[in-house]
C-alpha atoms as a PDB file:
ATOM      1  CA  MET A   1      80.142 -16.155 -48.868  1.00  0.00           C
ATOM      2  CA  PHE A   2      80.777 -17.838 -45.560  1.00  0.00           C
ATOM      3  CA  LEU A   3      81.597 -15.253 -42.907  1.00  0.00           C
ATOM      4  CA  ASP A   4      82.884 -16.068 -39.455  1.00  0.00           C
ATOM      5  CA  ARG A   5      80.887 -14.159 -36.865  1.00  0.00           C
ATOM      6  CA  ASP A   6      83.166 -13.061 -34.009  1.00  0.00           C
ATOM      7  CA  GLY A   7      86.126 -11.068 -35.316  1.00  0.00           C
ATOM      8  CA  VAL A   8      84.736 -10.629 -38.845  1.00  0.00           C
ATOM      9  CA  LEU A   9      81.190  -9.320 -38.347  1.00  0.00           C
ATOM     10  CA  ASN A  10      81.203  -8.350 -34.673  1.00  0.00           C
ATOM     11  CA  GLU A  11      83.927  -7.394 -32.238  1.00  0.00           C
ATOM     12  CA  PRO A  12      85.361 -10.265 -30.212  1.00  0.00           C
ATOM     13  CA  ILE A  13      86.136  -9.903 -26.525  1.00  0.00           C
ATOM     14  CA  LEU A  14      89.938  -9.919 -26.125  1.00  0.00           C
ATOM     15  CA  THR A  15      91.626 -11.403 -23.063  1.00  0.00           C
ATOM     16  CA  ASP A  16      95.436 -11.372 -23.065  1.00  0.00           C
ATOM     17  CA  GLY A  17      95.366 -10.952 -26.857  1.00  0.00           C
ATOM     18  CA  ARG A  18      93.109 -13.972 -27.391  1.00  0.00           C
ATOM     19  CA  PRO A  19      89.584 -13.601 -28.791  1.00  0.00           C
ATOM     20  CA  THR A  20      86.406 -14.946 -27.253  1.00  0.00           C
ATOM     21  CA  SER A  21      82.772 -14.466 -28.144  1.00  0.00           C
ATOM     22  CA  PRO A  22      80.556 -11.894 -26.494  1.00  0.00           C
ATOM     23  CA  MET A  23      78.534 -13.514 -23.730  1.00  0.00           C
ATOM     24  CA  ARG A  24      75.718 -10.947 -23.490  1.00  0.00           C
ATOM     25  CA  VAL A  25      73.521  -9.249 -26.083  1.00  0.00           C
ATOM     26  CA  ASP A  26      74.673  -5.865 -24.765  1.00  0.00           C
ATOM     27  CA  ASP A  27      78.276  -6.781 -25.668  1.00  0.00           C
ATOM     28  CA  VAL A  28      77.547  -7.408 -29.377  1.00  0.00           C
ATOM     29  CA  ARG A  29      79.143  -4.652 -31.484  1.00  0.00           C
ATOM     30  CA  VAL A  30      79.222  -4.799 -35.270  1.00  0.00           C
ATOM     31  CA  ILE A  31      82.753  -4.119 -36.517  1.00  0.00           C
ATOM     32  CA  PRO A  32      83.148  -0.743 -38.253  1.00  0.00           C
ATOM     33  CA  GLY A  33      82.962  -1.277 -42.011  1.00  0.00           C
ATOM     34  CA  ALA A  34      81.133  -4.617 -41.757  1.00  0.00           C
ATOM     35  CA  ARG A  35      77.803  -3.101 -42.875  1.00  0.00           C
ATOM     36  CA  GLU A  36      79.432  -1.485 -45.906  1.00  0.00           C
ATOM     37  CA  ALA A  37      81.343  -4.672 -46.741  1.00  0.00           C
ATOM     38  CA  CYS A  38      78.192  -6.804 -46.542  1.00  0.00           C
ATOM     39  CA  ALA A  39      76.303  -4.284 -48.681  1.00  0.00           C
ATOM     40  CA  GLN A  40      79.022  -4.457 -51.342  1.00  0.00           C
ATOM     41  CA  LEU A  41      79.022  -8.258 -51.292  1.00  0.00           C
ATOM     42  CA  ARG A  42      75.230  -8.325 -51.505  1.00  0.00           C
ATOM     43  CA  ALA A  43      75.327  -5.829 -54.428  1.00  0.00           C
ATOM     44  CA  ALA A  44      77.710  -8.224 -56.203  1.00  0.00           C
ATOM     45  CA  GLY A  45      74.993 -10.876 -55.959  1.00  0.00           C
ATOM     46  CA  LEU A  46      76.498 -13.030 -53.213  1.00  0.00           C
ATOM     47  CA  LEU A  47      74.732 -14.983 -50.483  1.00  0.00           C
ATOM     48  CA  LEU A  48      75.979 -14.023 -47.017  1.00  0.00           C
ATOM     49  CA  ILE A  49      76.044 -16.880 -44.530  1.00  0.00           C
ATOM     50  CA  ALA A  50      77.606 -16.545 -41.086  1.00  0.00           C
ATOM     51  CA  VAL A  51      79.309 -19.670 -39.718  1.00  0.00           C
ATOM     52  CA  THR A  52      80.360 -19.632 -36.078  1.00  0.00           C
ATOM     53  CA  ASN A  53      81.749 -21.877 -33.366  1.00  0.00           C
ATOM     54  CA  GLN A  54      80.084 -21.158 -30.024  1.00  0.00           C
ATOM     55  CA  PRO A  55      81.592 -23.694 -27.586  1.00  0.00           C
ATOM     56  CA  GLU A  56      80.450 -21.715 -24.538  1.00  0.00           C
ATOM     57  CA  VAL A  57      77.031 -23.342 -25.067  1.00  0.00           C
ATOM     58  CA  ALA A  58      78.532 -26.818 -24.580  1.00  0.00           C
ATOM     59  CA  ARG A  59      80.579 -25.526 -21.643  1.00  0.00           C
ATOM     60  CA  GLY A  60      77.388 -24.302 -19.943  1.00  0.00           C
ATOM     61  CA  ARG A  61      78.511 -20.657 -19.893  1.00  0.00           C
ATOM     62  CA  LEU A  62      76.108 -19.425 -22.601  1.00  0.00           C
ATOM     63  CA  SER A  63      72.474 -20.380 -22.932  1.00  0.00           C
ATOM     64  CA  PRO A  64      71.093 -21.270 -26.359  1.00  0.00           C
ATOM     65  CA  ALA A  65      68.499 -18.494 -25.869  1.00  0.00           C
ATOM     66  CA  ASP A  66      71.199 -15.859 -25.228  1.00  0.00           C
ATOM     67  CA  LEU A  67      73.158 -17.082 -28.257  1.00  0.00           C
ATOM     68  CA  GLU A  68      70.034 -16.835 -30.418  1.00  0.00           C
ATOM     69  CA  ALA A  69      69.375 -13.309 -29.135  1.00  0.00           C
ATOM     70  CA  MET A  70      72.932 -12.259 -30.061  1.00  0.00           C
ATOM     71  CA  ASN A  71      72.552 -13.768 -33.530  1.00  0.00           C
ATOM     72  CA  ARG A  72      69.266 -11.874 -33.990  1.00  0.00           C
ATOM     73  CA  VAL A  73      71.084  -8.601 -33.201  1.00  0.00           C
ATOM     74  CA  ILE A  74      73.692  -9.354 -35.857  1.00  0.00           C
ATOM     75  CA  GLU A  75      71.045 -10.421 -38.383  1.00  0.00           C
ATOM     76  CA  HIS A  76      69.146  -7.188 -37.698  1.00  0.00           C
ATOM     77  CA  GLU A  77      72.287  -5.095 -38.278  1.00  0.00           C
ATOM     78  CA  LEU A  78      73.660  -6.927 -41.328  1.00  0.00           C
ATOM     79  CA  PRO A  79      72.043  -8.321 -44.515  1.00  0.00           C
ATOM     80  CA  LEU A  80      72.784 -11.971 -43.747  1.00  0.00           C
ATOM     81  CA  ASP A  81      70.893 -14.791 -45.417  1.00  0.00           C
ATOM     82  CA  ALA A  82      71.514 -17.216 -42.558  1.00  0.00           C
ATOM     83  CA  VAL A  83      73.575 -17.926 -39.449  1.00  0.00           C
ATOM     84  CA  TYR A  84      74.892 -21.457 -38.871  1.00  0.00           C
ATOM     85  CA  VAL A  85      76.145 -22.285 -35.376  1.00  0.00           C
ATOM     86  CA  CYS A  86      78.208 -25.095 -33.912  1.00  0.00           C
ATOM     87  CA  PRO A  87      77.365 -25.158 -30.179  1.00  0.00           C
ATOM     88  CA  HIS A  88      79.862 -27.956 -29.440  1.00  0.00           C
ATOM     89  CA  ASP A  89      83.323 -28.096 -27.868  1.00  0.00           C
ATOM     90  CA  ASP A  90      86.338 -29.966 -29.254  1.00  0.00           C
ATOM     91  CA  ASP A  91      85.688 -32.982 -27.001  1.00  0.00           C
ATOM     92  CA  ASP A  92      82.278 -33.484 -28.645  1.00  0.00           C
ATOM     93  CA  ALA A  93      84.056 -34.549 -31.869  1.00  0.00           C
ATOM     94  CA  CYS A  94      81.192 -33.220 -34.002  1.00  0.00           C
ATOM     95  CA  ALA A  95      81.372 -32.642 -37.747  1.00  0.00           C
ATOM     96  CA  CYS A  96      80.332 -28.985 -37.510  1.00  0.00           C
ATOM     97  CA  ARG A  97      83.023 -27.457 -35.260  1.00  0.00           C
ATOM     98  CA  LYS A  98      85.576 -25.606 -37.327  1.00  0.00           C
ATOM     99  CA  PRO A  99      88.220 -26.592 -38.482  1.00  0.00           C
ATOM    100  CA  LYS A 100      85.879 -29.300 -39.756  1.00  0.00           C
ATOM    101  CA  PRO A 101      83.749 -28.165 -42.714  1.00  0.00           C
ATOM    102  CA  GLY A 102      80.349 -29.315 -41.452  1.00  0.00           C
ATOM    103  CA  LEU A 103      78.753 -25.860 -41.232  1.00  0.00           C
ATOM    104  CA  MET A 104      79.695 -25.055 -44.822  1.00  0.00           C
ATOM    105  CA  LEU A 105      78.632 -28.499 -46.047  1.00  0.00           C
ATOM    106  CA  ARG A 106      75.222 -28.151 -44.377  1.00  0.00           C
ATOM    107  CA  ALA A 107      74.689 -24.643 -45.760  1.00  0.00           C
ATOM    108  CA  SER A 108      75.798 -25.822 -49.198  1.00  0.00           C
ATOM    109  CA  ALA A 109      73.194 -28.588 -49.194  1.00  0.00           C
ATOM    110  CA  GLU A 110      70.421 -26.328 -47.893  1.00  0.00           C
ATOM    111  CA  TRP A 111      71.170 -23.346 -50.174  1.00  0.00           C
ATOM    112  CA  ASP A 112      72.461 -25.229 -53.252  1.00  0.00           C
ATOM    113  CA  ILE A 113      75.897 -23.580 -52.970  1.00  0.00           C
ATOM    114  CA  ASP A 114      78.853 -24.592 -55.126  1.00  0.00           C
ATOM    115  CA  LEU A 115      81.657 -24.760 -52.565  1.00  0.00           C
ATOM    116  CA  ALA A 116      84.383 -24.590 -55.229  1.00  0.00           C
ATOM    117  CA  HIS A 117      83.045 -21.140 -56.114  1.00  0.00           C
ATOM    118  CA  SER A 118      82.686 -20.011 -52.513  1.00  0.00           C
ATOM    119  CA  CYS A 119      84.880 -18.181 -50.040  1.00  0.00           C
ATOM    120  CA  VAL A 120      85.306 -18.451 -46.273  1.00  0.00           C
ATOM    121  CA  VAL A 121      86.287 -15.251 -44.463  1.00  0.00           C
ATOM    122  CA  GLY A 122      87.653 -15.672 -40.958  1.00  0.00           C
ATOM    123  CA  ASP A 123      90.035 -14.326 -38.363  1.00  0.00           C
ATOM    124  CA  ARG A 124      91.431 -17.599 -36.983  1.00  0.00           C
ATOM    125  CA  TRP A 125      93.281 -20.669 -38.190  1.00  0.00           C
ATOM    126  CA  ARG A 126      90.157 -22.805 -37.641  1.00  0.00           C
ATOM    127  CA  ASP A 127      88.255 -20.733 -40.213  1.00  0.00           C
ATOM    128  CA  MET A 128      90.980 -21.117 -42.837  1.00  0.00           C
ATOM    129  CA  GLU A 129      91.294 -24.869 -42.305  1.00  0.00           C
ATOM    130  CA  ALA A 130      87.505 -25.310 -42.458  1.00  0.00           C
ATOM    131  CA  GLY A 131      87.429 -23.344 -45.703  1.00  0.00           C
ATOM    132  CA  HIS A 132      90.148 -25.497 -47.230  1.00  0.00           C
ATOM    133  CA  ALA A 133      88.451 -28.688 -46.032  1.00  0.00           C
ATOM    134  CA  ALA A 134      85.211 -27.546 -47.702  1.00  0.00           C
ATOM    135  CA  GLY A 135      87.030 -26.771 -50.959  1.00  0.00           C
ATOM    136  CA  CYS A 136      86.487 -22.998 -50.684  1.00  0.00           C
ATOM    137  CA  ALA A 137      88.775 -20.050 -51.240  1.00  0.00           C
ATOM    138  CA  THR A 138      89.856 -18.378 -47.991  1.00  0.00           C
ATOM    139  CA  ALA A 139      90.287 -14.792 -46.848  1.00  0.00           C
ATOM    140  CA  PHE A 140      92.135 -14.277 -43.572  1.00  0.00           C
ATOM    141  CA  ILE A 141      91.323 -11.236 -41.448  1.00  0.00           C
ATOM    142  CA  ASP A 142      94.536 -10.669 -39.509  1.00  0.00           C
ATOM    143  CA  ARG A 143      93.627  -9.160 -36.157  1.00  0.00           C
ATOM    144  CA  ARG A 144      97.050 -10.076 -34.716  1.00  0.00           C
ATOM    145  CA  TYR A 145      95.760 -12.327 -31.971  1.00  0.00           C
ATOM    146  CA  ALA A 146      98.202 -13.953 -29.560  1.00  0.00           C
ATOM    147  CA  GLU A 147      97.509 -17.451 -30.856  1.00  0.00           C
ATOM    148  CA  ARG A 148      98.278 -19.943 -33.610  1.00  0.00           C
ATOM    149  CA  ARG A 149      98.207 -18.396 -37.091  1.00  0.00           C
ATOM    150  CA  PRO A 150      96.735 -20.074 -40.168  1.00  0.00           C
ATOM    151  CA  ALA A 151      99.126 -22.086 -42.309  1.00  0.00           C
ATOM    152  CA  ALA A 152      97.573 -20.982 -45.601  1.00  0.00           C
ATOM    153  CA  TYR A 153      94.973 -18.639 -47.083  1.00  0.00           C
ATOM    154  CA  ASP A 154      94.259 -17.034 -50.451  1.00  0.00           C
ATOM    155  CA  VAL A 155      94.148 -13.389 -49.400  1.00  0.00           C
ATOM    156  CA  LYS A 156      94.780 -11.437 -46.200  1.00  0.00           C
ATOM    157  CA  GLY A 157      93.402  -8.143 -44.903  1.00  0.00           C
ATOM    158  CA  THR A 158      92.817  -6.380 -41.621  1.00  0.00           C
ATOM    159  CA  SER A 159      89.016  -6.282 -42.001  1.00  0.00           C
ATOM    160  CA  LEU A 160      86.189  -7.692 -44.078  1.00  0.00           C
ATOM    161  CA  LEU A 161      86.096  -4.422 -45.980  1.00  0.00           C
ATOM    162  CA  ASP A 162      89.772  -4.934 -46.939  1.00  0.00           C
ATOM    163  CA  VAL A 163      89.102  -8.255 -48.682  1.00  0.00           C
ATOM    164  CA  VAL A 164      85.836  -7.310 -50.426  1.00  0.00           C
ATOM    165  CA  PRO A 165      87.569  -6.079 -53.646  1.00  0.00           C
ATOM    166  CA  TRP A 166      89.377  -9.424 -54.026  1.00  0.00           C
ATOM    167  CA  ILE A 167      86.163 -11.375 -53.394  1.00  0.00           C
ATOM    168  CA  VAL A 168      84.111  -9.263 -55.820  1.00  0.00           C
ATOM    169  CA  ALA A 169      86.810  -9.503 -58.514  1.00  0.00           C
ATOM    170  CA  ARG A 170      86.989 -13.282 -58.030  1.00  0.00           C
ATOM    171  CA  HIS A 171      83.219 -13.489 -58.349  1.00  0.00           C
ATOM    172  CA  ALA A 172      83.223 -11.336 -61.498  1.00  0.00           C
ATOM    173  CA  ARG A 173      85.800 -13.685 -63.105  1.00  0.00           C
ATOM    174  CA  GLY A 174      83.340 -16.517 -62.687  1.00  0.00           C
ATOM    175  CA  SER A 175      84.877 -18.035 -59.588  1.00  0.00           C
ATOM    176  CA  ALA A 176      81.996 -16.961 -57.386  1.00  0.00           C
ATOM    177  CA  ALA A 177      82.866 -16.206 -53.821  1.00  0.00           C
END
């Protein structure tokens, strides 16, 4: 399981209907139902890896230390196996910033993950495109943001908890999520 952080695991900060990441540890709030969803995914035998774009680091608005502290809060609250971060902005043209699949490819190599039997859960078009580029199934969490919507996804819900039954059933059929 590849889980986007902001908007899937923790609440994003909304400005004019557009999501941004929390900028302070005190602003990190786990989304209601995320603990239960992660527990159900873990009980199904799935690895839980968060994958997140954090361009505010490259923009100089968020220190790497503050980002690490926020990730530690999320890791303390949820049974994640790892958190993979892209600290770059679009202009950096890196391989890890979603919609590119670099975060999933790196995690796959380090954890021996079969991407064809994996799933990316996200709340933005970048997450869905990264999942497709990595060869994963995709689950879109529709939070009705005022922004571009994904062109394609395999399943849609309004929360991680909504899509857990589909992911667990897919895993049970042998197409591990």
